[in-house]
Every structure is written in C-alpha cells, then in structure tokens.
Amino acid sequence: MRGETSEGHELEPVLLADGVTFVLPEAVLTDPAHAERHELLATFPTRDVAAGEYPPPDET
C-alpha cells in the first residue's frame, strides 16, 4: 500500500521490528490527501503500536 495518493502526498508504510508487519498512522483514514485509498485502508485492521515495536533509528 505504498505510493502516491494525490499530488505531493504518498503513503509510506513503516516496517516494524518484527520484520513482517507494516503500519501507517491511523490519521490516513480521514486525511483528505489520501481519499482515493480510504475505502481500501478501512478494510485493514487497526491497533495501538508500542514504541518498542518500531525498529531502532537508522544510524547513518
């Protein structure tokens, strides 16, 4: 579910530290910039993501 949704706006899912799960902020479900994907995004499960689930920051 990566890619441009409207000019200048794109979805960039984040891979969690488990190496399997991708997440997006819940705000994309109501953001007008992503309106063309709202129907599809609404079919995906939602849950709270703990800070420890994110990968460590890139050290580059």
PDB file of N, CA and C in Angstrom:
ATOM      1  N   MET A   1       0.838  -1.168   0.000  1.00  0.00           N
ATOM      2  CA  MET A   1       0.000   0.000   0.000  1.00  0.00           C
ATOM      3  C   MET A   1       0.889   1.239   0.000  1.00  0.00           C
ATOM      4  N   ARG A   2       1.957   1.192  -0.676  1.00  0.00           N
ATOM      5  CA  ARG A   2       2.887   2.311  -0.766  1.00  0.00           C
ATOM      6  C   ARG A   2       2.599   3.070  -2.055  1.00  0.00           C
ATOM      7  N   GLY A   3       2.771   4.369  -2.013  1.00  0.00           N
ATOM      8  CA  GLY A   3       2.699   5.136  -3.245  1.00  0.00           C
ATOM      9  C   GLY A   3       1.899   6.417  -3.121  1.00  0.00           C
ATOM     10  N   GLU A   4       1.936   7.178  -4.205  1.00  0.00           N
ATOM     11  CA  GLU A   4       1.270   8.474  -4.254  1.00  0.00           C
ATOM     12  C   GLU A   4      -0.244   8.291  -4.215  1.00  0.00           C
ATOM     13  N   THR A   5      -0.911   9.115  -3.418  1.00  0.00           N
ATOM     14  CA  THR A   5      -2.362   9.076  -3.349  1.00  0.00           C
ATOM     15  C   THR A   5      -2.984  10.324  -3.950  1.00  0.00           C
ATOM     16  N   SER A   6      -2.278  11.424  -3.886  1.00  0.00           N
ATOM     17  CA  SER A   6      -2.655  12.660  -4.558  1.00  0.00           C
ATOM     18  C   SER A   6      -1.361  13.445  -4.745  1.00  0.00           C
ATOM     19  N   GLU A   7      -1.387  14.431  -5.590  1.00  0.00           N
ATOM     20  CA  GLU A   7      -0.141  15.132  -5.904  1.00  0.00           C
ATOM     21  C   GLU A   7       0.529  15.669  -4.645  1.00  0.00           C
ATOM     22  N   GLY A   8       1.765  15.254  -4.439  1.00  0.00           N
ATOM     23  CA  GLY A   8       2.534  15.701  -3.294  1.00  0.00           C
ATOM     24  C   GLY A   8       2.287  14.921  -2.015  1.00  0.00           C
ATOM     25  N   HIS A   9       1.446  13.894  -2.071  1.00  0.00           N
ATOM     26  CA  HIS A   9       1.130  13.098  -0.887  1.00  0.00           C
ATOM     27  C   HIS A   9       1.249  11.619  -1.228  1.00  0.00           C
ATOM     28  N   GLU A  10       1.926  10.885  -0.352  1.00  0.00           N
ATOM     29  CA  GLU A  10       2.043   9.457  -0.591  1.00  0.00           C
ATOM     30  C   GLU A  10       2.014   8.696   0.718  1.00  0.00           C
ATOM     31  N   LEU A  11       1.649   7.428   0.617  1.00  0.00           N
ATOM     32  CA  LEU A  11       1.660   6.544   1.770  1.00  0.00           C
ATOM     33  C   LEU A  11       2.995   5.824   1.809  1.00  0.00           C
ATOM     34  N   GLU A  12       3.630   5.831   2.981  1.00  0.00           N
ATOM     35  CA  GLU A  12       4.900   5.133   3.172  1.00  0.00           C
ATOM     36  C   GLU A  12       4.807   4.290   4.439  1.00  0.00           C
ATOM     37  N   PRO A  13       4.318   3.057   4.313  1.00  0.00           N
ATOM     38  CA  PRO A  13       4.223   2.197   5.492  1.00  0.00           C
ATOM     39  C   PRO A  13       5.596   1.968   6.132  1.00  0.00           C
ATOM     40  N   VAL A  14       5.592   1.812   7.452  1.00  0.00           N
ATOM     41  CA  VAL A  14       6.814   1.570   8.221  1.00  0.00           C
ATOM     42  C   VAL A  14       6.850   0.100   8.610  1.00  0.00           C
ATOM     43  N   LEU A  15       7.979  -0.546   8.374  1.00  0.00           N
ATOM     44  CA  LEU A  15       8.156  -1.936   8.771  1.00  0.00           C
ATOM     45  C   LEU A  15       8.544  -1.981  10.239  1.00  0.00           C
ATOM     46  N   LEU A  16       7.772  -2.723  11.030  1.00  0.00           N
ATOM     47  CA  LEU A  16       8.072  -2.846  12.450  1.00  0.00           C
ATOM     48  C   LEU A  16       9.272  -3.754  12.662  1.00  0.00           C
ATOM     49  N   ALA A  17       9.768  -3.753  13.889  1.00  0.00           N
ATOM     50  CA  ALA A  17      10.970  -4.520  14.232  1.00  0.00           C
ATOM     51  C   ALA A  17      10.790  -6.023  14.033  1.00  0.00           C
ATOM     52  N   ASP A  18       9.537  -6.509  13.979  1.00  0.00           N
ATOM     53  CA  ASP A  18       9.331  -7.943  13.768  1.00  0.00           C
ATOM     54  C   ASP A  18       9.697  -8.377  12.349  1.00  0.00           C
ATOM     55  N   GLY A  19       9.914  -7.403  11.460  1.00  0.00           N
ATOM     56  CA  GLY A  19      10.317  -7.699  10.088  1.00  0.00           C
ATOM     57  C   GLY A  19       9.187  -8.205   9.206  1.00  0.00           C
ATOM     58  N   VAL A  20       7.965  -8.183   9.712  1.00  0.00           N
ATOM     59  CA  VAL A  20       6.813  -8.727   8.978  1.00  0.00           C
ATOM     60  C   VAL A  20       5.683  -7.702   8.843  1.00  0.00           C
ATOM     61  N   THR A  21       5.454  -6.939   9.883  1.00  0.00           N
ATOM     62  CA  THR A  21       4.293  -6.063   9.966  1.00  0.00           C
ATOM     63  C   THR A  21       4.618  -4.649   9.501  1.00  0.00           C
ATOM     64  N   PHE A  22       3.794  -4.146   8.578  1.00  0.00           N
ATOM     65  CA  PHE A  22       3.891  -2.762   8.122  1.00  0.00           C
ATOM     66  C   PHE A  22       2.755  -1.969   8.753  1.00  0.00           C
ATOM     67  N   VAL A  23       3.015  -0.712   9.108  1.00  0.00           N
ATOM     68  CA  VAL A  23       1.993   0.132   9.709  1.00  0.00           C
ATOM     69  C   VAL A  23       1.959   1.513   9.059  1.00  0.00           C
ATOM     70  N   LEU A  24       0.785   2.125   9.162  1.00  0.00           N
ATOM     71  CA  LEU A  24       0.566   3.510   8.765  1.00  0.00           C
ATOM     72  C   LEU A  24      -0.126   4.205   9.933  1.00  0.00           C
ATOM     73  N   PRO A  25       0.020   5.515  10.048  1.00  0.00           N
ATOM     74  CA  PRO A  25      -0.727   6.219  11.093  1.00  0.00           C
ATOM     75  C   PRO A  25      -2.231   6.129  10.817  1.00  0.00           C
ATOM     76  N   GLU A  26      -3.012   6.021  11.869  1.00  0.00           N
ATOM     77  CA  GLU A  26      -4.460   5.927  11.716  1.00  0.00           C
ATOM     78  C   GLU A  26      -5.045   7.180  11.061  1.00  0.00           C
ATOM     79  N   ALA A  27      -4.343   8.286  11.143  1.00  0.00           N
ATOM     80  CA  ALA A  27      -4.820   9.548  10.571  1.00  0.00           C
ATOM     81  C   ALA A  27      -5.020   9.469   9.058  1.00  0.00           C
ATOM     82  N   VAL A  28      -4.353   8.538   8.381  1.00  0.00           N
ATOM     83  CA  VAL A  28      -4.526   8.443   6.920  1.00  0.00           C
ATOM     84  C   VAL A  28      -5.960   8.048   6.559  1.00  0.00           C
ATOM     85  N   LEU A  29      -6.689   7.458   7.523  1.00  0.00           N
ATOM     86  CA  LEU A  29      -8.066   7.035   7.262  1.00  0.00           C
ATOM     87  C   LEU A  29      -9.013   8.205   7.054  1.00  0.00           C
ATOM     88  N   THR A  30      -8.647   9.377   7.533  1.00  0.00           N
ATOM     89  CA  THR A  30      -9.511  10.553   7.393  1.00  0.00           C
ATOM     90  C   THR A  30      -8.823  11.724   6.693  1.00  0.00           C
ATOM     91  N   ASP A  31      -7.572  11.556   6.321  1.00  0.00           N
ATOM     92  CA  ASP A  31      -6.829  12.629   5.664  1.00  0.00           C
ATOM     93  C   ASP A  31      -7.329  12.776   4.224  1.00  0.00           C
ATOM     94  N   PRO A  32      -7.849  13.947   3.865  1.00  0.00           N
ATOM     95  CA  PRO A  32      -8.351  14.151   2.501  1.00  0.00           C
ATOM     96  C   PRO A  32      -7.300  13.886   1.417  1.00  0.00           C
ATOM     97  N   ALA A  33      -6.035  14.037   1.744  1.00  0.00           N
ATOM     98  CA  ALA A  33      -4.978  13.799   0.763  1.00  0.00           C
ATOM     99  C   ALA A  33      -4.928  12.339   0.329  1.00  0.00           C
ATOM    100  N   HIS A  34      -5.494  11.449   1.132  1.00  0.00           N
ATOM    101  CA  HIS A  34      -5.476  10.016   0.821  1.00  0.00           C
ATOM    102  C   HIS A  34      -6.878   9.474   0.532  1.00  0.00           C
ATOM    103  N   ALA A  35      -7.800  10.354   0.189  1.00  0.00           N
ATOM    104  CA  ALA A  35      -9.210   9.987  -0.014  1.00  0.00           C
ATOM    105  C   ALA A  35      -9.393   8.840  -1.002  1.00  0.00           C
ATOM    106  N   GLU A  36      -8.588   8.796  -2.038  1.00  0.00           N
ATOM    107  CA  GLU A  36      -8.775   7.735  -3.036  1.00  0.00           C
ATOM    108  C   GLU A  36      -8.468   6.347  -2.474  1.00  0.00           C
ATOM    109  N   ARG A  37      -7.795   6.270  -1.343  1.00  0.00           N
ATOM    110  CA  ARG A  37      -7.469   4.973  -0.728  1.00  0.00           C
ATOM    111  C   ARG A  37      -8.266   4.700   0.550  1.00  0.00           C
ATOM    112  N   HIS A  38      -9.128   5.628   0.985  1.00  0.00           N
ATOM    113  CA  HIS A  38      -9.859   5.454   2.240  1.00  0.00           C
ATOM    114  C   HIS A  38     -10.651   4.149   2.288  1.00  0.00           C
ATOM    115  N   GLU A  39     -11.354   3.825   1.236  1.00  0.00           N
ATOM    116  CA  GLU A  39     -12.183   2.618   1.248  1.00  0.00           C
ATOM    117  C   GLU A  39     -11.327   1.369   1.475  1.00  0.00           C
ATOM    118  N   LEU A  40     -10.225   1.251   0.781  1.00  0.00           N
ATOM    119  CA  LEU A  40      -9.341   0.102   0.956  1.00  0.00           C
ATOM    120  C   LEU A  40      -8.681   0.114   2.329  1.00  0.00           C
ATOM    121  N   LEU A  41      -8.167   1.255   2.745  1.00  0.00           N
ATOM    122  CA  LEU A  41      -7.496   1.348   4.041  1.00  0.00           C
ATOM    123  C   LEU A  41      -8.428   0.974   5.191  1.00  0.00           C
ATOM    124  N   ALA A  42      -9.705   1.290   5.062  1.00  0.00           N
ATOM    125  CA  ALA A  42     -10.681   0.986   6.109  1.00  0.00           C
ATOM    126  C   ALA A  42     -10.877  -0.516   6.299  1.00  0.00           C
ATOM    127  N   THR A  43     -10.445  -1.327   5.352  1.00  0.00           N
ATOM    128  CA  THR A  43     -10.602  -2.783   5.483  1.00  0.00           C
ATOM    129  C   THR A  43      -9.463  -3.419   6.280  1.00  0.00           C
ATOM    130  N   PHE A  44      -8.398  -2.666   6.535  1.00  0.00           N
ATOM    131  CA  PHE A  44      -7.249  -3.211   7.255  1.00  0.00           C
ATOM    132  C   PHE A  44      -7.466  -3.102   8.758  1.00  0.00           C
ATOM    133  N   PRO A  45      -6.889  -4.028   9.521  1.00  0.00           N
ATOM    134  CA  PRO A  45      -7.033  -3.960  10.977  1.00  0.00           C
ATOM    135  C   PRO A  45      -6.273  -2.764  11.552  1.00  0.00           C
ATOM    136  N   THR A  46      -6.739  -2.286  12.696  1.00  0.00           N
ATOM    137  CA  THR A  46      -6.045  -1.223  13.410  1.00  0.00           C
ATOM    138  C   THR A  46      -5.727  -1.705  14.824  1.00  0.00           C
ATOM    139  N   ARG A  47      -4.639  -1.173  15.373  1.00  0.00           N
ATOM    140  CA  ARG A  47      -4.266  -1.466  16.761  1.00  0.00           C
ATOM    141  C   ARG A  47      -3.245  -0.443  17.208  1.00  0.00           C
ATOM    142  N   ASP A  48      -3.084  -0.358  18.515  1.00  0.00           N
ATOM    143  CA  ASP A  48      -2.037   0.504  19.061  1.00  0.00           C
ATOM    144  C   ASP A  48      -0.692  -0.176  18.833  1.00  0.00           C
ATOM    145  N   VAL A  49       0.306   0.612  18.486  1.00  0.00           N
ATOM    146  CA  VAL A  49       1.667   0.100  18.292  1.00  0.00           C
ATOM    147  C   VAL A  49       2.545   0.700  19.388  1.00  0.00           C
ATOM    148  N   ALA A  50       3.139  -0.158  20.179  1.00  0.00           N
ATOM    149  CA  ALA A  50       4.014   0.297  21.264  1.00  0.00           C
ATOM    150  C   ALA A  50       5.327   0.826  20.698  1.00  0.00           C
ATOM    151  N   ALA A  51       5.915   1.781  21.386  1.00  0.00           N
ATOM    152  CA  ALA A  51       7.176   2.368  20.927  1.00  0.00           C
ATOM    153  C   ALA A  51       8.246   1.299  20.698  1.00  0.00           C
ATOM    154  N   GLY A  52       8.275   0.271  21.524  1.00  0.00           N
ATOM    155  CA  GLY A  52       9.266  -0.781  21.402  1.00  0.00           C
ATOM    156  C   GLY A  52       9.102  -1.672  20.182  1.00  0.00           C
ATOM    157  N   GLU A  53       7.980  -1.526  19.466  1.00  0.00           N
ATOM    158  CA  GLU A  53       7.751  -2.327  18.262  1.00  0.00           C
ATOM    159  C   GLU A  53       8.417  -1.731  17.019  1.00  0.00           C
ATOM    160  N   TYR A  54       8.776  -0.449  17.116  1.00  0.00           N
ATOM    161  CA  TYR A  54       9.417   0.199  15.981  1.00  0.00           C
ATOM    162  C   TYR A  54      10.887  -0.185  15.943  1.00  0.00           C
ATOM    163  N   PRO A  55      11.467  -0.246  14.750  1.00  0.00           N
ATOM    164  CA  PRO A  55      12.898  -0.556  14.664  1.00  0.00           C
ATOM    165  C   PRO A  55      13.718   0.589  15.246  1.00  0.00           C
ATOM    166  N   PRO A  56      14.938   0.289  15.667  1.00  0.00           N
ATOM    167  CA  PRO A  56      15.786   1.383  16.174  1.00  0.00           C
ATOM    168  C   PRO A  56      16.067   2.384  15.056  1.00  0.00           C
ATOM    169  N   PRO A  57      16.328   3.627  15.403  1.00  0.00           N
ATOM    170  CA  PRO A  57      16.626   4.653  14.387  1.00  0.00           C
ATOM    171  C   PRO A  57      17.848   4.254  13.558  1.00  0.00           C
ATOM    172  N   ASP A  58      17.815   4.639  12.294  1.00  0.00           N
ATOM    173  CA  ASP A  58      18.940   4.387  11.397  1.00  0.00           C
ATOM    174  C   ASP A  58      20.108   5.261  11.830  1.00  0.00           C
ATOM    175  N   GLU A  59      21.266   4.669  11.984  1.00  0.00           N
ATOM    176  CA  GLU A  59      22.448   5.382  12.483  1.00  0.00           C
ATOM    177  C   GLU A  59      23.340   5.913  11.360  1.00  0.00           C
ATOM    178  N   THR A  60      22.802   6.172  10.176  1.00  0.00           N
ATOM    179  CA  THR A  60      23.631   6.664   9.071  1.00  0.00           C
ATOM    180  C   THR A  60      23.783   8.148   9.076  1.00  0.00           C
TER     181      THR A  60
END
